[in-house]
Amino acid sequence: KYGKVFHRSTPKQIEHWATIGKIAEENPDLPLNFVKDIIIG
């Protein structure tokens, strides 16, 4: 569902979530929106 909304394949959507999760775990003090903005940048 999310992959379709954001124009990603299902594997790419899962990879995107894994990337966010990895960054969030490595940087627990960063807000989620900041992590997302970093990925977009």
PDB file of all heavy atoms in Angstrom:
ATOM      1  N   LYS A   1       0.823  -1.208   0.000  1.00  0.00           N
ATOM      2  CA  LYS A   1       0.000   0.000   0.000  1.00  0.00           C
ATOM      3  C   LYS A   1       0.862   1.265   0.000  1.00  0.00           C
ATOM      4  O   LYS A   1       0.678   2.152  -0.827  1.00  0.00           O
ATOM      5  CB  LYS A   1      -0.925  -0.028   1.222  1.00  0.00           C
ATOM      6  CG  LYS A   1      -1.795   1.192   1.390  1.00  0.00           C
ATOM      7  CD  LYS A   1      -2.769   1.058   2.560  1.00  0.00           C
ATOM      8  CE  LYS A   1      -2.093   0.592   3.808  1.00  0.00           C
ATOM      9  NZ  LYS A   1      -2.970   0.509   4.970  1.00  0.00           N
ATOM     10  N   TYR A   2       1.824   1.333   0.910  1.00  0.00           N
ATOM     11  CA  TYR A   2       2.672   2.512   0.990  1.00  0.00           C
ATOM     12  C   TYR A   2       3.561   2.650  -0.247  1.00  0.00           C
ATOM     13  O   TYR A   2       3.834   3.756  -0.713  1.00  0.00           O
ATOM     14  CB  TYR A   2       3.535   2.481   2.258  1.00  0.00           C
ATOM     15  CG  TYR A   2       2.798   2.931   3.489  1.00  0.00           C
ATOM     16  CD1 TYR A   2       1.996   2.055   4.206  1.00  0.00           C
ATOM     17  CD2 TYR A   2       2.900   4.235   3.936  1.00  0.00           C
ATOM     18  CE1 TYR A   2       1.313   2.469   5.338  1.00  0.00           C
ATOM     19  CE2 TYR A   2       2.225   4.658   5.069  1.00  0.00           C
ATOM     20  CZ  TYR A   2       1.430   3.767   5.769  1.00  0.00           C
ATOM     21  OH  TYR A   2       0.758   4.185   6.883  1.00  0.00           O
ATOM     22  N   GLY A   3       4.024   1.536  -0.770  1.00  0.00           N
ATOM     23  CA  GLY A   3       4.827   1.561  -1.979  1.00  0.00           C
ATOM     24  C   GLY A   3       4.073   2.192  -3.140  1.00  0.00           C
ATOM     25  O   GLY A   3       4.622   2.996  -3.888  1.00  0.00           O
ATOM     26  N   LYS A   4       2.800   1.834  -3.280  1.00  0.00           N
ATOM     27  CA  LYS A   4       1.989   2.423  -4.349  1.00  0.00           C
ATOM     28  C   LYS A   4       1.809   3.924  -4.142  1.00  0.00           C
ATOM     29  O   LYS A   4       1.907   4.705  -5.087  1.00  0.00           O
ATOM     30  CB  LYS A   4       0.624   1.742  -4.411  1.00  0.00           C
ATOM     31  CG  LYS A   4       0.686   0.348  -4.991  1.00  0.00           C
ATOM     32  CD  LYS A   4      -0.686  -0.288  -5.054  1.00  0.00           C
ATOM     33  CE  LYS A   4      -0.584  -1.698  -5.626  1.00  0.00           C
ATOM     34  NZ  LYS A   4      -1.879  -2.367  -5.690  1.00  0.00           N
ATOM     35  N   VAL A   5       1.552   4.327  -2.913  1.00  0.00           N
ATOM     36  CA  VAL A   5       1.342   5.746  -2.618  1.00  0.00           C
ATOM     37  C   VAL A   5       2.595   6.556  -2.936  1.00  0.00           C
ATOM     38  O   VAL A   5       2.508   7.651  -3.510  1.00  0.00           O
ATOM     39  CB  VAL A   5       0.945   5.942  -1.133  1.00  0.00           C
ATOM     40  CG1 VAL A   5       0.976   7.408  -0.749  1.00  0.00           C
ATOM     41  CG2 VAL A   5      -0.436   5.349  -0.871  1.00  0.00           C
ATOM     42  N   PHE A   6       3.766   6.035  -2.599  1.00  0.00           N
ATOM     43  CA  PHE A   6       5.012   6.771  -2.778  1.00  0.00           C
ATOM     44  C   PHE A   6       5.774   6.350  -4.038  1.00  0.00           C
ATOM     45  O   PHE A   6       6.944   6.690  -4.198  1.00  0.00           O
ATOM     46  CB  PHE A   6       5.897   6.631  -1.535  1.00  0.00           C
ATOM     47  CG  PHE A   6       5.308   7.307  -0.332  1.00  0.00           C
ATOM     48  CD1 PHE A   6       4.762   6.565   0.712  1.00  0.00           C
ATOM     49  CD2 PHE A   6       5.278   8.687  -0.252  1.00  0.00           C
ATOM     50  CE1 PHE A   6       4.209   7.188   1.814  1.00  0.00           C
ATOM     51  CE2 PHE A   6       4.725   9.323   0.851  1.00  0.00           C
ATOM     52  CZ  PHE A   6       4.176   8.566   1.883  1.00  0.00           C
ATOM     53  N   HIS A   7       5.115   5.605  -4.909  1.00  0.00           N
ATOM     54  CA  HIS A   7       5.681   5.200  -6.201  1.00  0.00           C
ATOM     55  C   HIS A   7       6.987   4.419  -6.042  1.00  0.00           C
ATOM     56  O   HIS A   7       7.978   4.686  -6.715  1.00  0.00           O
ATOM     57  CB  HIS A   7       5.891   6.419  -7.111  1.00  0.00           C
ATOM     58  CG  HIS A   7       4.654   7.235  -7.290  1.00  0.00           C
ATOM     59  ND1 HIS A   7       3.606   6.822  -8.075  1.00  0.00           N
ATOM     60  CD2 HIS A   7       4.278   8.416  -6.759  1.00  0.00           C
ATOM     61  CE1 HIS A   7       2.642   7.726  -8.035  1.00  0.00           C
ATOM     62  NE2 HIS A   7       3.023   8.704  -7.224  1.00  0.00           N
ATOM     63  N   ARG A   8       6.945   3.465  -5.086  1.00  0.00           N
ATOM     64  CA  ARG A   8       8.081   2.571  -4.879  1.00  0.00           C
ATOM     65  C   ARG A   8       7.595   1.148  -5.059  1.00  0.00           C
ATOM     66  O   ARG A   8       6.449   0.836  -4.764  1.00  0.00           O
ATOM     67  CB  ARG A   8       8.634   2.698  -3.451  1.00  0.00           C
ATOM     68  CG  ARG A   8       9.177   4.038  -3.083  1.00  0.00           C
ATOM     69  CD  ARG A   8       9.724   4.005  -1.644  1.00  0.00           C
ATOM     70  NE  ARG A   8      10.127   5.320  -1.233  1.00  0.00           N
ATOM     71  CZ  ARG A   8       9.500   6.043  -0.302  1.00  0.00           C
ATOM     72  NH1 ARG A   8       8.457   5.557   0.341  1.00  0.00           N
ATOM     73  NH2 ARG A   8       9.938   7.246   0.003  1.00  0.00           N
ATOM     74  N   SER A   9       8.494   0.286  -5.492  1.00  0.00           N
ATOM     75  CA  SER A   9       8.155  -1.134  -5.513  1.00  0.00           C
ATOM     76  C   SER A   9       8.055  -1.602  -4.059  1.00  0.00           C
ATOM     77  O   SER A   9       8.558  -0.942  -3.140  1.00  0.00           O
ATOM     78  CB  SER A   9       9.229  -1.932  -6.246  1.00  0.00           C
ATOM     79  OG  SER A   9      10.443  -1.900  -5.528  1.00  0.00           O
ATOM     80  N   THR A  10       7.437  -2.743  -3.855  1.00  0.00           N
ATOM     81  CA  THR A  10       7.319  -3.276  -2.499  1.00  0.00           C
ATOM     82  C   THR A  10       8.697  -3.498  -1.866  1.00  0.00           C
ATOM     83  O   THR A  10       8.930  -3.063  -0.731  1.00  0.00           O
ATOM     84  CB  THR A  10       6.490  -4.573  -2.497  1.00  0.00           C
ATOM     85  OG1 THR A  10       5.187  -4.283  -3.028  1.00  0.00           O
ATOM     86  CG2 THR A  10       6.340  -5.144  -1.097  1.00  0.00           C
ATOM     87  N   PRO A  11       9.651  -4.108  -2.587  1.00  0.00           N
ATOM     88  CA  PRO A  11      10.988  -4.258  -1.979  1.00  0.00           C
ATOM     89  C   PRO A  11      11.655  -2.912  -1.671  1.00  0.00           C
ATOM     90  O   PRO A  11      12.324  -2.776  -0.644  1.00  0.00           O
ATOM     91  CB  PRO A  11      11.782  -5.028  -3.029  1.00  0.00           C
ATOM     92  CG  PRO A  11      10.754  -5.739  -3.839  1.00  0.00           C
ATOM     93  CD  PRO A  11       9.555  -4.845  -3.852  1.00  0.00           C
ATOM     94  N   LYS A  12      11.474  -1.918  -2.537  1.00  0.00           N
ATOM     95  CA  LYS A  12      12.063  -0.607  -2.279  1.00  0.00           C
ATOM     96  C   LYS A  12      11.416   0.069  -1.074  1.00  0.00           C
ATOM     97  O   LYS A  12      12.074   0.782  -0.315  1.00  0.00           O
ATOM     98  CB  LYS A  12      11.957   0.300  -3.510  1.00  0.00           C
ATOM     99  CG  LYS A  12      12.910  -0.074  -4.603  1.00  0.00           C
ATOM    100  CD  LYS A  12      14.332   0.196  -4.178  1.00  0.00           C
ATOM    101  CE  LYS A  12      15.309  -0.073  -5.281  1.00  0.00           C
ATOM    102  NZ  LYS A  12      16.693   0.076  -4.842  1.00  0.00           N
ATOM    103  N   GLN A  13      10.113  -0.156  -0.880  1.00  0.00           N
ATOM    104  CA  GLN A  13       9.440   0.407   0.290  1.00  0.00           C
ATOM    105  C   GLN A  13       9.989  -0.218   1.566  1.00  0.00           C
ATOM    106  O   GLN A  13      10.259   0.477   2.544  1.00  0.00           O
ATOM    107  CB  GLN A  13       7.919   0.191   0.205  1.00  0.00           C
ATOM    108  CG  GLN A  13       7.156   0.783   1.367  1.00  0.00           C
ATOM    109  CD  GLN A  13       7.284   2.285   1.459  1.00  0.00           C
ATOM    110  OE1 GLN A  13       7.269   2.976   0.458  1.00  0.00           O
ATOM    111  NE2 GLN A  13       7.425   2.808   2.664  1.00  0.00           N
ATOM    112  N   ILE A  14      10.175  -1.521   1.547  1.00  0.00           N
ATOM    113  CA  ILE A  14      10.734  -2.219   2.712  1.00  0.00           C
ATOM    114  C   ILE A  14      12.160  -1.734   2.973  1.00  0.00           C
ATOM    115  O   ILE A  14      12.548  -1.489   4.124  1.00  0.00           O
ATOM    116  CB  ILE A  14      10.678  -3.745   2.503  1.00  0.00           C
ATOM    117  CG1 ILE A  14       9.208  -4.206   2.473  1.00  0.00           C
ATOM    118  CG2 ILE A  14      11.468  -4.485   3.580  1.00  0.00           C
ATOM    119  CD1 ILE A  14       9.000  -5.616   1.993  1.00  0.00           C
ATOM    120  N   GLU A  15      12.941  -1.553   1.897  1.00  0.00           N
ATOM    121  CA  GLU A  15      14.303  -1.028   2.043  1.00  0.00           C
ATOM    122  C   GLU A  15      14.288   0.379   2.645  1.00  0.00           C
ATOM    123  O   GLU A  15      15.108   0.705   3.512  1.00  0.00           O
ATOM    124  CB  GLU A  15      14.977  -0.998   0.674  1.00  0.00           C
ATOM    125  CG  GLU A  15      16.399  -0.521   0.681  1.00  0.00           C
ATOM    126  CD  GLU A  15      17.013  -0.495  -0.709  1.00  0.00           C
ATOM    127  OE1 GLU A  15      16.589  -1.266  -1.582  1.00  0.00           O
ATOM    128  OE2 GLU A  15      17.927   0.330  -0.899  1.00  0.00           O
ATOM    129  N   HIS A  16      13.333   1.207   2.214  1.00  0.00           N
ATOM    130  CA  HIS A  16      13.195   2.569   2.747  1.00  0.00           C
ATOM    131  C   HIS A  16      12.921   2.523   4.246  1.00  0.00           C
ATOM    132  O   HIS A  16      13.567   3.234   5.023  1.00  0.00           O
ATOM    133  CB  HIS A  16      12.063   3.280   2.001  1.00  0.00           C
ATOM    134  CG  HIS A  16      11.734   4.635   2.517  1.00  0.00           C
ATOM    135  ND1 HIS A  16      12.561   5.724   2.346  1.00  0.00           N
ATOM    136  CD2 HIS A  16      10.661   5.094   3.218  1.00  0.00           C
ATOM    137  CE1 HIS A  16      12.008   6.785   2.912  1.00  0.00           C
ATOM    138  NE2 HIS A  16      10.861   6.425   3.446  1.00  0.00           N
ATOM    139  N   TRP A  17      11.983   1.683   4.655  1.00  0.00           N
ATOM    140  CA  TRP A  17      11.683   1.566   6.084  1.00  0.00           C
ATOM    141  C   TRP A  17      12.881   1.051   6.863  1.00  0.00           C
ATOM    142  O   TRP A  17      13.130   1.487   7.986  1.00  0.00           O
ATOM    143  CB  TRP A  17      10.486   0.654   6.292  1.00  0.00           C
ATOM    144  CG  TRP A  17       9.170   1.292   6.000  1.00  0.00           C
ATOM    145  CD1 TRP A  17       8.884   2.628   5.974  1.00  0.00           C
ATOM    146  CD2 TRP A  17       7.946   0.620   5.700  1.00  0.00           C
ATOM    147  NE1 TRP A  17       7.555   2.819   5.675  1.00  0.00           N
ATOM    148  CE2 TRP A  17       6.958   1.607   5.498  1.00  0.00           C
ATOM    149  CE3 TRP A  17       7.596  -0.713   5.564  1.00  0.00           C
ATOM    150  CZ2 TRP A  17       5.647   1.303   5.190  1.00  0.00           C
ATOM    151  CZ3 TRP A  17       6.289  -1.017   5.252  1.00  0.00           C
ATOM    152  CH2 TRP A  17       5.321  -0.023   5.071  1.00  0.00           C
ATOM    153  N   ALA A  18      13.621   0.112   6.286  1.00  0.00           N
ATOM    154  CA  ALA A  18      14.806  -0.421   6.968  1.00  0.00           C
ATOM    155  C   ALA A  18      15.857   0.675   7.152  1.00  0.00           C
ATOM    156  O   ALA A  18      16.498   0.759   8.205  1.00  0.00           O
ATOM    157  CB  ALA A  18      15.391  -1.588   6.181  1.00  0.00           C
ATOM    158  N   THR A  19      16.017   1.522   6.137  1.00  0.00           N
ATOM    159  CA  THR A  19      16.971   2.622   6.226  1.00  0.00           C
ATOM    160  C   THR A  19      16.577   3.585   7.348  1.00  0.00           C
ATOM    161  O   THR A  19      17.421   3.991   8.156  1.00  0.00           O
ATOM    162  CB  THR A  19      17.058   3.381   4.885  1.00  0.00           C
ATOM    163  OG1 THR A  19      17.482   2.468   3.876  1.00  0.00           O
ATOM    164  CG2 THR A  19      18.024   4.547   4.967  1.00  0.00           C
ATOM    165  N   ILE A  20      15.301   3.942   7.395  1.00  0.00           N
ATOM    166  CA  ILE A  20      14.817   4.834   8.448  1.00  0.00           C
ATOM    167  C   ILE A  20      15.044   4.199   9.823  1.00  0.00           C
ATOM    168  O   ILE A  20      15.521   4.856  10.751  1.00  0.00           O
ATOM    169  CB  ILE A  20      13.323   5.174   8.245  1.00  0.00           C
ATOM    170  CG1 ILE A  20      13.157   6.065   7.021  1.00  0.00           C
ATOM    171  CG2 ILE A  20      12.747   5.855   9.482  1.00  0.00           C
ATOM    172  CD1 ILE A  20      11.712   6.305   6.624  1.00  0.00           C
ATOM    173  N   GLY A  21      14.721   2.934   9.936  1.00  0.00           N
ATOM    174  CA  GLY A  21      14.900   2.241  11.210  1.00  0.00           C
ATOM    175  C   GLY A  21      16.343   2.185  11.649  1.00  0.00           C
ATOM    176  O   GLY A  21      16.659   2.402  12.821  1.00  0.00           O
ATOM    177  N   LYS A  22      17.247   1.917  10.705  1.00  0.00           N
ATOM    178  CA  LYS A  22      18.674   1.849  11.023  1.00  0.00           C
ATOM    179  C   LYS A  22      19.178   3.206  11.502  1.00  0.00           C
ATOM    180  O   LYS A  22      19.867   3.306  12.521  1.00  0.00           O
ATOM    181  CB  LYS A  22      19.460   1.389   9.802  1.00  0.00           C
ATOM    182  CG  LYS A  22      20.948   1.230  10.041  1.00  0.00           C
ATOM    183  CD  LYS A  22      21.629   0.675   8.784  1.00  0.00           C
ATOM    184  CE  LYS A  22      23.096   0.420   9.008  1.00  0.00           C
ATOM    185  NZ  LYS A  22      23.895   1.634   9.062  1.00  0.00           N
ATOM    186  N   ILE A  23      18.830   4.264  10.781  1.00  0.00           N
ATOM    187  CA  ILE A  23      19.269   5.603  11.174  1.00  0.00           C
ATOM    188  C   ILE A  23      18.681   5.972  12.537  1.00  0.00           C
ATOM    189  O   ILE A  23      19.369   6.537  13.390  1.00  0.00           O
ATOM    190  CB  ILE A  23      18.888   6.645  10.100  1.00  0.00           C
ATOM    191  CG1 ILE A  23      19.680   6.398   8.818  1.00  0.00           C
ATOM    192  CG2 ILE A  23      19.143   8.062  10.607  1.00  0.00           C
ATOM    193  CD1 ILE A  23      19.200   7.215   7.632  1.00  0.00           C
ATOM    194  N   ALA A  24      17.412   5.649  12.752  1.00  0.00           N
ATOM    195  CA  ALA A  24      16.758   5.970  14.026  1.00  0.00           C
ATOM    196  C   ALA A  24      17.421   5.233  15.189  1.00  0.00           C
ATOM    197  O   ALA A  24      17.613   5.805  16.263  1.00  0.00           O
ATOM    198  CB  ALA A  24      15.276   5.641  13.952  1.00  0.00           C
ATOM    199  N   GLU A  25      17.778   3.970  14.980  1.00  0.00           N
ATOM    200  CA  GLU A  25      18.442   3.216  16.039  1.00  0.00           C
ATOM    201  C   GLU A  25      19.837   3.763  16.332  1.00  0.00           C
ATOM    202  O   GLU A  25      20.264   3.803  17.487  1.00  0.00           O
ATOM    203  CB  GLU A  25      18.547   1.736  15.667  1.00  0.00           C
ATOM    204  CG  GLU A  25      17.274   0.971  15.892  1.00  0.00           C
ATOM    205  CD  GLU A  25      17.460  -0.530  15.693  1.00  0.00           C
ATOM    206  OE1 GLU A  25      18.528  -0.969  15.230  1.00  0.00           O
ATOM    207  OE2 GLU A  25      16.509  -1.265  15.999  1.00  0.00           O
ATOM    208  N   GLU A  26      20.544   4.167  15.298  1.00  0.00           N
ATOM    209  CA  GLU A  26      21.894   4.686  15.472  1.00  0.00           C
ATOM    210  C   GLU A  26      21.909   6.104  16.051  1.00  0.00           C
ATOM    211  O   GLU A  26      22.927   6.550  16.568  1.00  0.00           O
ATOM    212  CB  GLU A  26      22.639   4.677  14.131  1.00  0.00           C
ATOM    213  CG  GLU A  26      22.943   3.276  13.632  1.00  0.00           C
ATOM    214  CD  GLU A  26      23.528   3.253  12.225  1.00  0.00           C
ATOM    215  OE1 GLU A  26      23.498   4.295  11.530  1.00  0.00           O
ATOM    216  OE2 GLU A  26      23.995   2.183  11.815  1.00  0.00           O
ATOM    217  N   ASN A  27      20.784   6.817  15.929  1.00  0.00           N
ATOM    218  CA  ASN A  27      20.682   8.210  16.382  1.00  0.00           C
ATOM    219  C   ASN A  27      19.377   8.411  17.146  1.00  0.00           C
ATOM    220  O   ASN A  27      18.476   9.120  16.684  1.00  0.00           O
ATOM    221  CB  ASN A  27      20.721   9.147  15.165  1.00  0.00           C
ATOM    222  CG  ASN A  27      21.972   8.969  14.356  1.00  0.00           C
ATOM    223  OD1 ASN A  27      23.013   9.490  14.687  1.00  0.00           O
ATOM    224  ND2 ASN A  27      21.866   8.207  13.278  1.00  0.00           N
ATOM    225  N   PRO A  28      19.246   7.812  18.322  1.00  0.00           N
ATOM    226  CA  PRO A  28      17.963   7.838  19.032  1.00  0.00           C
ATOM    227  C   PRO A  28      17.489   9.232  19.449  1.00  0.00           C
ATOM    228  O   PRO A  28      16.309   9.414  19.733  1.00  0.00           O
ATOM    229  CB  PRO A  28      18.212   6.953  20.256  1.00  0.00           C
ATOM    230  CG  PRO A  28      19.687   6.942  20.439  1.00  0.00           C
ATOM    231  CD  PRO A  28      20.277   7.104  19.068  1.00  0.00           C
ATOM    232  N   ASP A  29      18.379  10.207  19.458  1.00  0.00           N
ATOM    233  CA  ASP A  29      17.976  11.563  19.856  1.00  0.00           C
ATOM    234  C   ASP A  29      17.394  12.386  18.709  1.00  0.00           C
ATOM    235  O   ASP A  29      16.874  13.475  18.940  1.00  0.00           O
ATOM    236  CB  ASP A  29      19.165  12.312  20.456  1.00  0.00           C
ATOM    237  CG  ASP A  29      19.651  11.661  21.748  1.00  0.00           C
ATOM    238  OD1 ASP A  29      18.825  11.020  22.424  1.00  0.00           O
ATOM    239  OD2 ASP A  29      20.850  11.788  22.068  1.00  0.00           O
ATOM    240  N   LEU A  30      17.500  11.875  17.479  1.00  0.00           N
ATOM    241  CA  LEU A  30      16.971  12.618  16.333  1.00  0.00           C
ATOM    242  C   LEU A  30      15.485  12.346  16.157  1.00  0.00           C
ATOM    243  O   LEU A  30      15.052  11.195  16.184  1.00  0.00           O
ATOM    244  CB  LEU A  30      17.702  12.222  15.043  1.00  0.00           C
ATOM    245  CG  LEU A  30      19.178  12.552  14.948  1.00  0.00           C
ATOM    246  CD1 LEU A  30      19.731  12.075  13.604  1.00  0.00           C
ATOM    247  CD2 LEU A  30      19.418  14.034  15.114  1.00  0.00           C
ATOM    248  N   PRO A  31      14.685  13.380  15.927  1.00  0.00           N
ATOM    249  CA  PRO A  31      13.264  13.176  15.636  1.00  0.00           C
ATOM    250  C   PRO A  31      13.082  12.467  14.287  1.00  0.00           C
ATOM    251  O   PRO A  31      13.898  12.639  13.368  1.00  0.00           O
ATOM    252  CB  PRO A  31      12.690  14.589  15.570  1.00  0.00           C
ATOM    253  CG  PRO A  31      13.722  15.488  16.154  1.00  0.00           C
ATOM    254  CD  PRO A  31      15.038  14.790  16.014  1.00  0.00           C
ATOM    255  N   LEU A  32      12.021  11.700  14.171  1.00  0.00           N
ATOM    256  CA  LEU A  32      11.748  10.943  12.949  1.00  0.00           C
ATOM    257  C   LEU A  32      11.683  11.849  11.721  1.00  0.00           C
ATOM    258  O   LEU A  32      12.235  11.512  10.669  1.00  0.00           O
ATOM    259  CB  LEU A  32      10.449  10.146  13.087  1.00  0.00           C
ATOM    260  CG  LEU A  32      10.045   9.314  11.875  1.00  0.00           C
ATOM    261  CD1 LEU A  32      11.129   8.307  11.512  1.00  0.00           C
ATOM    262  CD2 LEU A  32       8.726   8.626  12.134  1.00  0.00           C
ATOM    263  N   ASN A  33      11.034  12.989  11.824  1.00  0.00           N
ATOM    264  CA  ASN A  33      10.941  13.881  10.666  1.00  0.00           C
ATOM    265  C   ASN A  33      12.320  14.370  10.226  1.00  0.00           C
ATOM    266  O   ASN A  33      12.556  14.553   9.035  1.00  0.00           O
ATOM    267  CB  ASN A  33      10.022  15.071  10.950  1.00  0.00           C
ATOM    268  CG  ASN A  33       8.569  14.684  10.873  1.00  0.00           C
ATOM    269  OD1 ASN A  33       8.202  13.726  10.209  1.00  0.00           O
ATOM    270  ND2 ASN A  33       7.729  15.425  11.559  1.00  0.00           N
ATOM    271  N   PHE A  34      13.216  14.582  11.157  1.00  0.00           N
ATOM    272  CA  PHE A  34      14.573  14.988  10.811  1.00  0.00           C
ATOM    273  C   PHE A  34      15.274  13.877  10.045  1.00  0.00           C
ATOM    274  O   PHE A  34      15.963  14.127   9.045  1.00  0.00           O
ATOM    275  CB  PHE A  34      15.353  15.353  12.083  1.00  0.00           C
ATOM    276  CG  PHE A  34      16.700  15.944  11.821  1.00  0.00           C
ATOM    277  CD1 PHE A  34      16.826  17.274  11.448  1.00  0.00           C
ATOM    278  CD2 PHE A  34      17.848  15.180  11.956  1.00  0.00           C
ATOM    279  CE1 PHE A  34      18.080  17.836  11.203  1.00  0.00           C
ATOM    280  CE2 PHE A  34      19.097  15.725  11.718  1.00  0.00           C
ATOM    281  CZ  PHE A  34      19.215  17.053  11.337  1.00  0.00           C
ATOM    282  N   VAL A  35      15.096  12.637  10.493  1.00  0.00           N
ATOM    283  CA  VAL A  35      15.678  11.480   9.808  1.00  0.00           C
ATOM    284  C   VAL A  35      15.140  11.401   8.378  1.00  0.00           C
ATOM    285  O   VAL A  35      15.902  11.221   7.427  1.00  0.00           O
ATOM    286  CB  VAL A  35      15.393  10.170  10.580  1.00  0.00           C
ATOM    287  CG1 VAL A  35      15.806   8.950   9.774  1.00  0.00           C
ATOM    288  CG2 VAL A  35      16.089  10.182  11.931  1.00  0.00           C
ATOM    289  N   LYS A  36      13.833  11.569   8.217  1.00  0.00           N
ATOM    290  CA  LYS A  36      13.229  11.534   6.878  1.00  0.00           C
ATOM    291  C   LYS A  36      13.780  12.649   6.002  1.00  0.00           C
ATOM    292  O   LYS A  36      14.064  12.441   4.822  1.00  0.00           O
ATOM    293  CB  LYS A  36      11.712  11.642   6.974  1.00  0.00           C
ATOM    294  CG  LYS A  36      11.048  10.407   7.528  1.00  0.00           C
ATOM    295  CD  LYS A  36       9.540  10.622   7.576  1.00  0.00           C
ATOM    296  CE  LYS A  36       8.797   9.448   8.117  1.00  0.00           C
ATOM    297  NZ  LYS A  36       7.334   9.689   8.154  1.00  0.00           N
ATOM    298  N   ASP A  37      13.944  13.844   6.563  1.00  0.00           N
ATOM    299  CA  ASP A  37      14.482  14.970   5.796  1.00  0.00           C
ATOM    300  C   ASP A  37      15.924  14.701   5.348  1.00  0.00           C
ATOM    301  O   ASP A  37      16.317  15.093   4.249  1.00  0.00           O
ATOM    302  CB  ASP A  37      14.407  16.262   6.601  1.00  0.00           C
ATOM    303  CG  ASP A  37      12.997  16.790   6.756  1.00  0.00           C
ATOM    304  OD1 ASP A  37      12.101  16.367   5.987  1.00  0.00           O
ATOM    305  OD2 ASP A  37      12.784  17.647   7.644  1.00  0.00           O
ATOM    306  N   ILE A  38      16.696  14.042   6.189  1.00  0.00           N
ATOM    307  CA  ILE A  38      18.064  13.682   5.815  1.00  0.00           C
ATOM    308  C   ILE A  38      18.038  12.743   4.609  1.00  0.00           C
ATOM    309  O   ILE A  38      18.793  12.927   3.645  1.00  0.00           O
ATOM    310  CB  ILE A  38      18.815  13.029   6.992  1.00  0.00           C
ATOM    311  CG1 ILE A  38      19.105  14.058   8.079  1.00  0.00           C
ATOM    312  CG2 ILE A  38      20.108  12.357   6.518  1.00  0.00           C
ATOM    313  CD1 ILE A  38      19.628  13.455   9.366  1.00  0.00           C
ATOM    314  N   ILE A  39      17.176  11.745   4.658  1.00  0.00           N
ATOM    315  CA  ILE A  39      17.078  10.779   3.560  1.00  0.00           C
ATOM    316  C   ILE A  39      16.652  11.474   2.273  1.00  0.00           C
ATOM    317  O   ILE A  39      17.210  11.225   1.201  1.00  0.00           O
ATOM    318  CB  ILE A  39      16.119   9.632   3.928  1.00  0.00           C
ATOM    319  CG1 ILE A  39      16.719   8.808   5.074  1.00  0.00           C
ATOM    320  CG2 ILE A  39      15.836   8.742   2.721  1.00  0.00           C
ATOM    321  CD1 ILE A  39      15.768   7.812   5.679  1.00  0.00           C
ATOM    322  N   ILE A  40      15.688  12.372   2.368  1.00  0.00           N
ATOM    323  CA  ILE A  40      15.242  13.124   1.192  1.00  0.00           C
ATOM    324  C   ILE A  40      16.382  13.972   0.643  1.00  0.00           C
ATOM    325  O   ILE A  40      16.619  14.011  -0.570  1.00  0.00           O
ATOM    326  CB  ILE A  40      14.012  13.988   1.530  1.00  0.00           C
ATOM    327  CG1 ILE A  40      12.802  13.099   1.781  1.00  0.00           C
ATOM    328  CG2 ILE A  40      13.720  14.994   0.416  1.00  0.00           C
ATOM    329  CD1 ILE A  40      11.612  13.827   2.379  1.00  0.00           C
ATOM    330  N   GLY A  41      17.097  14.658   1.522  1.00  0.00           N
ATOM    331  CA  GLY A  41      18.213  15.489   1.094  1.00  0.00           C
ATOM    332  C   GLY A  41      19.305  14.689   0.404  1.00  0.00           C
ATOM    333  O   GLY A  41      19.853  15.125  -0.617  1.00  0.00           O
TER     334      GLY A  41
END
